[in-house]
Amino acid sequence: QEFTAQITLSGIDNLGLVNHITNVISSHMHVNMKSISFESDDGIFTGKINVVVKNSTMLKKLMDNLKKINGIDKVTRV
């Protein structure tokens, strides 16, 4: 039973950050990105990612791994 979850991210924008985020997501099995959007303003970025995961444990693991990325301050589920 898969479900869709929206994750919001915010932090300090730097070169290659979006690439790093998508690599973390796609390197985790059973996580499929439905949509992704990022905005940057004065060096601060905000982003929304819709993912399809098998269970809440996978979602928590994904969010924990996203929090480890340098420059990301906040990762929350909507």
PDB file of N, CA and C in Angstrom:
ATOM      1  N   GLN A   1       0.849  -1.193   0.000  1.00  0.00           N
ATOM      2  CA  GLN A   1       0.000   0.000   0.000  1.00  0.00           C
ATOM      3  C   GLN A   1       0.888   1.247   0.000  1.00  0.00           C
ATOM      4  N   GLU A   2       0.929   1.910  -1.143  1.00  0.00           N
ATOM      5  CA  GLU A   2       1.742   3.121  -1.256  1.00  0.00           C
ATOM      6  C   GLU A   2       0.895   4.339  -0.953  1.00  0.00           C
ATOM      7  N   PHE A   3       1.554   5.401  -0.500  1.00  0.00           N
ATOM      8  CA  PHE A   3       0.846   6.660  -0.304  1.00  0.00           C
ATOM      9  C   PHE A   3       1.742   7.824  -0.696  1.00  0.00           C
ATOM     10  N   THR A   4       1.098   8.947  -1.016  1.00  0.00           N
ATOM     11  CA  THR A   4       1.824  10.139  -1.428  1.00  0.00           C
ATOM     12  C   THR A   4       1.988  11.066  -0.233  1.00  0.00           C
ATOM     13  N   ALA A   5       3.170  11.632  -0.099  1.00  0.00           N
ATOM     14  CA  ALA A   5       3.440  12.590   0.969  1.00  0.00           C
ATOM     15  C   ALA A   5       4.145  13.788   0.376  1.00  0.00           C
ATOM     16  N   GLN A   6       3.866  14.958   0.940  1.00  0.00           N
ATOM     17  CA  GLN A   6       4.563  16.164   0.497  1.00  0.00           C
ATOM     18  C   GLN A   6       5.565  16.573   1.571  1.00  0.00           C
ATOM     19  N   ILE A   7       6.784  16.803   1.135  1.00  0.00           N
ATOM     20  CA  ILE A   7       7.860  17.229   2.036  1.00  0.00           C
ATOM     21  C   ILE A   7       8.239  18.651   1.658  1.00  0.00           C
ATOM     22  N   THR A   8       8.366  19.521   2.654  1.00  0.00           N
ATOM     23  CA  THR A   8       8.871  20.863   2.390  1.00  0.00           C
ATOM     24  C   THR A   8      10.266  20.975   2.975  1.00  0.00           C
ATOM     25  N   LEU A   9      11.114  21.694   2.258  1.00  0.00           N
ATOM     26  CA  LEU A   9      12.507  21.870   2.659  1.00  0.00           C
ATOM     27  C   LEU A   9      12.821  23.351   2.657  1.00  0.00           C
ATOM     28  N   SER A  10      13.727  23.758   3.536  1.00  0.00           N
ATOM     29  CA  SER A  10      14.220  25.133   3.475  1.00  0.00           C
ATOM     30  C   SER A  10      15.637  25.172   4.022  1.00  0.00           C
ATOM     31  N   GLY A  11      16.369  26.187   3.596  1.00  0.00           N
ATOM     32  CA  GLY A  11      17.745  26.319   4.054  1.00  0.00           C
ATOM     33  C   GLY A  11      18.525  27.299   3.205  1.00  0.00           C
ATOM     34  N   ILE A  12      19.828  27.154   3.240  1.00  0.00           N
ATOM     35  CA  ILE A  12      20.728  28.050   2.524  1.00  0.00           C
ATOM     36  C   ILE A  12      21.011  27.460   1.145  1.00  0.00           C
ATOM     37  N   ASP A  13      20.754  28.257   0.133  1.00  0.00           N
ATOM     38  CA  ASP A  13      20.949  27.810  -1.249  1.00  0.00           C
ATOM     39  C   ASP A  13      22.437  27.765  -1.584  1.00  0.00           C
ATOM     40  N   ASN A  14      22.841  26.668  -2.206  1.00  0.00           N
ATOM     41  CA  ASN A  14      24.202  26.608  -2.732  1.00  0.00           C
ATOM     42  C   ASN A  14      24.222  25.785  -4.013  1.00  0.00           C
ATOM     43  N   LEU A  15      25.299  25.910  -4.757  1.00  0.00           N
ATOM     44  CA  LEU A  15      25.420  25.263  -6.057  1.00  0.00           C
ATOM     45  C   LEU A  15      25.330  23.744  -5.918  1.00  0.00           C
ATOM     46  N   GLY A  16      24.476  23.136  -6.715  1.00  0.00           N
ATOM     47  CA  GLY A  16      24.358  21.685  -6.714  1.00  0.00           C
ATOM     48  C   GLY A  16      23.430  21.123  -5.649  1.00  0.00           C
ATOM     49  N   LEU A  17      22.760  21.987  -4.905  1.00  0.00           N
ATOM     50  CA  LEU A  17      21.896  21.522  -3.812  1.00  0.00           C
ATOM     51  C   LEU A  17      20.730  20.672  -4.322  1.00  0.00           C
ATOM     52  N   VAL A  18      20.047  21.137  -5.370  1.00  0.00           N
ATOM     53  CA  VAL A  18      18.915  20.380  -5.912  1.00  0.00           C
ATOM     54  C   VAL A  18      19.377  19.021  -6.421  1.00  0.00           C
ATOM     55  N   ASN A  19      20.532  18.987  -7.062  1.00  0.00           N
ATOM     56  CA  ASN A  19      21.109  17.730  -7.537  1.00  0.00           C
ATOM     57  C   ASN A  19      21.370  16.783  -6.372  1.00  0.00           C
ATOM     58  N   HIS A  20      21.908  17.306  -5.298  1.00  0.00           N
ATOM     59  CA  HIS A  20      22.190  16.503  -4.108  1.00  0.00           C
ATOM     60  C   HIS A  20      20.889  15.933  -3.528  1.00  0.00           C
ATOM     61  N   ILE A  21      19.862  16.763  -3.447  1.00  0.00           N
ATOM     62  CA  ILE A  21      18.567  16.337  -2.908  1.00  0.00           C
ATOM     63  C   ILE A  21      17.960  15.224  -3.761  1.00  0.00           C
ATOM     64  N   THR A  22      17.957  15.405  -5.083  1.00  0.00           N
ATOM     65  CA  THR A  22      17.370  14.378  -5.954  1.00  0.00           C
ATOM     66  C   THR A  22      18.182  13.086  -5.914  1.00  0.00           C
ATOM     67  N   ASN A  23      19.506  13.193  -5.745  1.00  0.00           N
ATOM     68  CA  ASN A  23      20.324  11.986  -5.608  1.00  0.00           C
ATOM     69  C   ASN A  23      19.971  11.211  -4.352  1.00  0.00           C
ATOM     70  N   VAL A  24      19.765  11.913  -3.237  1.00  0.00           N
ATOM     71  CA  VAL A  24      19.392  11.257  -1.982  1.00  0.00           C
ATOM     72  C   VAL A  24      18.049  10.538  -2.139  1.00  0.00           C
ATOM     73  N   ILE A  25      17.089  11.212  -2.783  1.00  0.00           N
ATOM     74  CA  ILE A  25      15.764  10.623  -2.951  1.00  0.00           C
ATOM     75  C   ILE A  25      15.810   9.414  -3.888  1.00  0.00           C
ATOM     76  N   SER A  26      16.461   9.559  -5.028  1.00  0.00           N
ATOM     77  CA  SER A  26      16.449   8.469  -6.008  1.00  0.00           C
ATOM     78  C   SER A  26      17.361   7.311  -5.624  1.00  0.00           C
ATOM     79  N   SER A  27      18.302   7.538  -4.709  1.00  0.00           N
ATOM     80  CA  SER A  27      19.172   6.438  -4.291  1.00  0.00           C
ATOM     81  C   SER A  27      18.496   5.553  -3.244  1.00  0.00           C
ATOM     82  N   HIS A  28      17.339   5.989  -2.737  1.00  0.00           N
ATOM     83  CA  HIS A  28      16.583   5.179  -1.785  1.00  0.00           C
ATOM     84  C   HIS A  28      15.542   4.366  -2.530  1.00  0.00           C
ATOM     85  N   MET A  29      15.582   3.075  -2.335  1.00  0.00           N
ATOM     86  CA  MET A  29      14.636   2.221  -3.018  1.00  0.00           C
ATOM     87  C   MET A  29      13.208   2.486  -2.533  1.00  0.00           C
ATOM     88  N   HIS A  30      12.270   2.256  -3.413  1.00  0.00           N
ATOM     89  CA  HIS A  30      10.842   2.363  -3.132  1.00  0.00           C
ATOM     90  C   HIS A  30      10.371   3.801  -2.894  1.00  0.00           C
ATOM     91  N   VAL A  31      11.139   4.783  -3.349  1.00  0.00           N
ATOM     92  CA  VAL A  31      10.683   6.171  -3.256  1.00  0.00           C
ATOM     93  C   VAL A  31      10.609   6.736  -4.672  1.00  0.00           C
ATOM     94  N   ASN A  32       9.432   7.218  -5.036  1.00  0.00           N
ATOM     95  CA  ASN A  32       9.219   7.751  -6.370  1.00  0.00           C
ATOM     96  C   ASN A  32       8.810   9.221  -6.255  1.00  0.00           C
ATOM     97  N   MET A  33       9.523  10.092  -6.958  1.00  0.00           N
ATOM     98  CA  MET A  33       9.180  11.517  -6.936  1.00  0.00           C
ATOM     99  C   MET A  33       8.065  11.785  -7.942  1.00  0.00           C
ATOM    100  N   LYS A  34       7.000  12.421  -7.471  1.00  0.00           N
ATOM    101  CA  LYS A  34       5.895  12.803  -8.358  1.00  0.00           C
ATOM    102  C   LYS A  34       6.091  14.214  -8.882  1.00  0.00           C
ATOM    103  N   SER A  35       6.526  15.121  -8.002  1.00  0.00           N
ATOM    104  CA  SER A  35       6.782  16.493  -8.426  1.00  0.00           C
ATOM    105  C   SER A  35       7.820  17.121  -7.503  1.00  0.00           C
ATOM    106  N   ILE A  36       8.488  18.129  -8.043  1.00  0.00           N
ATOM    107  CA  ILE A  36       9.526  18.816  -7.276  1.00  0.00           C
ATOM    108  C   ILE A  36       9.551  20.279  -7.711  1.00  0.00           C
ATOM    109  N   SER A  37       9.634  21.191  -6.742  1.00  0.00           N
ATOM    110  CA  SER A  37       9.745  22.609  -7.089  1.00  0.00           C
ATOM    111  C   SER A  37      10.592  23.323  -6.040  1.00  0.00           C
ATOM    112  N   PHE A  38      11.444  24.204  -6.516  1.00  0.00           N
ATOM    113  CA  PHE A  38      12.325  24.960  -5.637  1.00  0.00           C
ATOM    114  C   PHE A  38      12.310  26.429  -6.025  1.00  0.00           C
ATOM    115  N   GLU A  39      12.418  27.281  -5.011  1.00  0.00           N
ATOM    116  CA  GLU A  39      12.566  28.718  -5.239  1.00  0.00           C
ATOM    117  C   GLU A  39      13.698  29.207  -4.368  1.00  0.00           C
ATOM    118  N   SER A  40      14.425  30.192  -4.885  1.00  0.00           N
ATOM    119  CA  SER A  40      15.527  30.758  -4.118  1.00  0.00           C
ATOM    120  C   SER A  40      15.375  32.274  -4.093  1.00  0.00           C
ATOM    121  N   ASP A  41      15.590  32.841  -2.904  1.00  0.00           N
ATOM    122  CA  ASP A  41      15.487  34.284  -2.763  1.00  0.00           C
ATOM    123  C   ASP A  41      16.535  34.759  -1.764  1.00  0.00           C
ATOM    124  N   ASP A  42      17.448  35.600  -2.217  1.00  0.00           N
ATOM    125  CA  ASP A  42      18.527  36.129  -1.358  1.00  0.00           C
ATOM    126  C   ASP A  42      19.320  35.035  -0.643  1.00  0.00           C
ATOM    127  N   GLY A  43      19.612  33.954  -1.363  1.00  0.00           N
ATOM    128  CA  GLY A  43      20.443  32.889  -0.799  1.00  0.00           C
ATOM    129  C   GLY A  43      19.704  31.892   0.075  1.00  0.00           C
ATOM    130  N   ILE A  44      18.396  32.091   0.258  1.00  0.00           N
ATOM    131  CA  ILE A  44      17.587  31.152   1.035  1.00  0.00           C
ATOM    132  C   ILE A  44      16.659  30.419   0.066  1.00  0.00           C
ATOM    133  N   PHE A  45      16.599  29.098   0.180  1.00  0.00           N
ATOM    134  CA  PHE A  45      15.728  28.350  -0.718  1.00  0.00           C
ATOM    135  C   PHE A  45      14.563  27.729   0.059  1.00  0.00           C
ATOM    136  N   THR A  46      13.470  27.530  -0.666  1.00  0.00           N
ATOM    137  CA  THR A  46      12.358  26.735  -0.160  1.00  0.00           C
ATOM    138  C   THR A  46      11.983  25.765  -1.266  1.00  0.00           C
ATOM    139  N   GLY A  47      11.590  24.578  -0.876  1.00  0.00           N
ATOM    140  CA  GLY A  47      11.239  23.574  -1.873  1.00  0.00           C
ATOM    141  C   GLY A  47      10.120  22.685  -1.404  1.00  0.00           C
ATOM    142  N   LYS A  48       9.409  22.139  -2.382  1.00  0.00           N
ATOM    143  CA  LYS A  48       8.349  21.165  -2.113  1.00  0.00           C
ATOM    144  C   LYS A  48       8.591  19.957  -2.990  1.00  0.00           C
ATOM    145  N   ILE A  49       8.505  18.793  -2.387  1.00  0.00           N
ATOM    146  CA  ILE A  49       8.678  17.553  -3.134  1.00  0.00           C
ATOM    147  C   ILE A  49       7.527  16.625  -2.779  1.00  0.00           C
ATOM    148  N   ASN A  50       6.847  16.103  -3.796  1.00  0.00           N
ATOM    149  CA  ASN A  50       5.827  15.085  -3.581  1.00  0.00           C
ATOM    150  C   ASN A  50       6.445  13.731  -3.894  1.00  0.00           C
ATOM    151  N   VAL A  51       6.401  12.834  -2.925  1.00  0.00           N
ATOM    152  CA  VAL A  51       6.989  11.507  -3.095  1.00  0.00           C
ATOM    153  C   VAL A  51       5.940  10.433  -2.827  1.00  0.00           C
ATOM    154  N   VAL A  52       6.152   9.274  -3.431  1.00  0.00           N
ATOM    155  CA  VAL A  52       5.310   8.110  -3.164  1.00  0.00           C
ATOM    156  C   VAL A  52       6.167   7.106  -2.418  1.00  0.00           C
ATOM    157  N   VAL A  53       5.716   6.737  -1.217  1.00  0.00           N
ATOM    158  CA  VAL A  53       6.480   5.799  -0.385  1.00  0.00           C
ATOM    159  C   VAL A  53       5.592   4.630   0.035  1.00  0.00           C
ATOM    160  N   LYS A  54       6.237   3.539   0.419  1.00  0.00           N
ATOM    161  CA  LYS A  54       5.497   2.333   0.813  1.00  0.00           C
ATOM    162  C   LYS A  54       4.941   2.421   2.224  1.00  0.00           C
ATOM    163  N   ASN A  55       5.664   3.103   3.122  1.00  0.00           N
ATOM    164  CA  ASN A  55       5.193   3.210   4.508  1.00  0.00           C
ATOM    165  C   ASN A  55       5.841   4.413   5.191  1.00  0.00           C
ATOM    166  N   SER A  56       5.365   4.708   6.398  1.00  0.00           N
ATOM    167  CA  SER A  56       5.861   5.893   7.107  1.00  0.00           C
ATOM    168  C   SER A  56       7.308   5.732   7.567  1.00  0.00           C
ATOM    169  N   THR A  57       7.763   4.505   7.750  1.00  0.00           N
ATOM    170  CA  THR A  57       9.164   4.273   8.126  1.00  0.00           C
ATOM    171  C   THR A  57      10.090   4.727   7.002  1.00  0.00           C
ATOM    172  N   MET A  58       9.723   4.398   5.769  1.00  0.00           N
ATOM    173  CA  MET A  58      10.517   4.833   4.607  1.00  0.00           C
ATOM    174  C   MET A  58      10.539   6.357   4.510  1.00  0.00           C
ATOM    175  N   LEU A  59       9.396   6.970   4.773  1.00  0.00           N
ATOM    176  CA  LEU A  59       9.299   8.422   4.705  1.00  0.00           C
ATOM    177  C   LEU A  59      10.184   9.072   5.765  1.00  0.00           C
ATOM    178  N   LYS A  60      10.156   8.536   6.976  1.00  0.00           N
ATOM    179  CA  LYS A  60      10.975   9.081   8.060  1.00  0.00           C
ATOM    180  C   LYS A  60      12.465   8.939   7.733  1.00  0.00           C
ATOM    181  N   LYS A  61      12.846   7.786   7.190  1.00  0.00           N
ATOM    182  CA  LYS A  61      14.241   7.549   6.817  1.00  0.00           C
ATOM    183  C   LYS A  61      14.689   8.533   5.734  1.00  0.00           C
ATOM    184  N   LEU A  62      13.805   8.753   4.760  1.00  0.00           N
ATOM    185  CA  LEU A  62      14.109   9.701   3.686  1.00  0.00           C
ATOM    186  C   LEU A  62      14.286  11.110   4.248  1.00  0.00           C
ATOM    187  N   MET A  63      13.376  11.527   5.130  1.00  0.00           N
ATOM    188  CA  MET A  63      13.457  12.861   5.721  1.00  0.00           C
ATOM    189  C   MET A  63      14.715  13.017   6.577  1.00  0.00           C
ATOM    190  N   ASP A  64      15.079  11.979   7.315  1.00  0.00           N
ATOM    191  CA  ASP A  64      16.305  12.020   8.118  1.00  0.00           C
ATOM    192  C   ASP A  64      17.530  12.184   7.230  1.00  0.00           C
ATOM    193  N   ASN A  65      17.545  11.483   6.090  1.00  0.00           N
ATOM    194  CA  ASN A  65      18.673  11.595   5.162  1.00  0.00           C
ATOM    195  C   ASN A  65      18.721  12.969   4.493  1.00  0.00           C
ATOM    196  N   LEU A  66      17.563  13.553   4.218  1.00  0.00           N
ATOM    197  CA  LEU A  66      17.535  14.897   3.641  1.00  0.00           C
ATOM    198  C   LEU A  66      18.059  15.931   4.635  1.00  0.00           C
ATOM    199  N   LYS A  67      17.761  15.726   5.926  1.00  0.00           N
ATOM    200  CA  LYS A  67      18.230  16.657   6.966  1.00  0.00           C
ATOM    201  C   LYS A  67      19.756  16.671   7.078  1.00  0.00           C
ATOM    202  N   LYS A  68      20.400  15.572   6.656  1.00  0.00           N
ATOM    203  CA  LYS A  68      21.861  15.471   6.749  1.00  0.00           C
ATOM    204  C   LYS A  68      22.577  16.262   5.665  1.00  0.00           C
ATOM    205  N   ILE A  69      21.846  16.680   4.629  1.00  0.00           N
ATOM    206  CA  ILE A  69      22.469  17.421   3.528  1.00  0.00           C
ATOM    207  C   ILE A  69      22.904  18.799   4.022  1.00  0.00           C
ATOM    208  N   ASN A  70      24.136  19.153   3.712  1.00  0.00           N
ATOM    209  CA  ASN A  70      24.690  20.439   4.122  1.00  0.00           C
ATOM    210  C   ASN A  70      23.901  21.581   3.490  1.00  0.00           C
ATOM    211  N   GLY A  71      23.402  22.497   4.322  1.00  0.00           N
ATOM    212  CA  GLY A  71      22.654  23.646   3.824  1.00  0.00           C
ATOM    213  C   GLY A  71      21.163  23.549   4.092  1.00  0.00           C
ATOM    214  N   ILE A  72      20.665  22.346   4.363  1.00  0.00           N
ATOM    215  CA  ILE A  72      19.238  22.189   4.653  1.00  0.00           C
ATOM    216  C   ILE A  72      18.997  22.381   6.135  1.00  0.00           C
ATOM    217  N   ASP A  73      18.146  23.354   6.457  1.00  0.00           N
ATOM    218  CA  ASP A  73      17.837  23.654   7.860  1.00  0.00           C
ATOM    219  C   ASP A  73      16.607  22.916   8.348  1.00  0.00           C
ATOM    220  N   LYS A  74      15.594  22.829   7.479  1.00  0.00           N
ATOM    221  CA  LYS A  74      14.319  22.308   7.922  1.00  0.00           C
ATOM    222  C   LYS A  74      13.721  21.343   6.890  1.00  0.00           C
ATOM    223  N   VAL A  75      13.252  20.198   7.352  1.00  0.00           N
ATOM    224  CA  VAL A  75      12.549  19.232   6.503  1.00  0.00           C
ATOM    225  C   VAL A  75      11.274  18.856   7.243  1.00  0.00           C
ATOM    226  N   THR A  76      10.129  19.119   6.631  1.00  0.00           N
ATOM    227  CA  THR A  76       8.864  18.799   7.300  1.00  0.00           C
ATOM    228  C   THR A  76       7.904  18.131   6.321  1.00  0.00           C
ATOM    229  N   ARG A  77       7.002  17.328   6.886  1.00  0.00           N
ATOM    230  CA  ARG A  77       5.952  16.708   6.083  1.00  0.00           C
ATOM    231  C   ARG A  77       4.704  17.573   6.211  1.00  0.00           C
ATOM    232  N   VAL A  78       4.064  17.802   5.084  1.00  0.00           N
ATOM    233  CA  VAL A  78       2.858  18.640   5.078  1.00  0.00           C
ATOM    234  C   VAL A  78       1.642  17.773   5.341  1.00  0.00           C
TER     235      VAL A  78
END
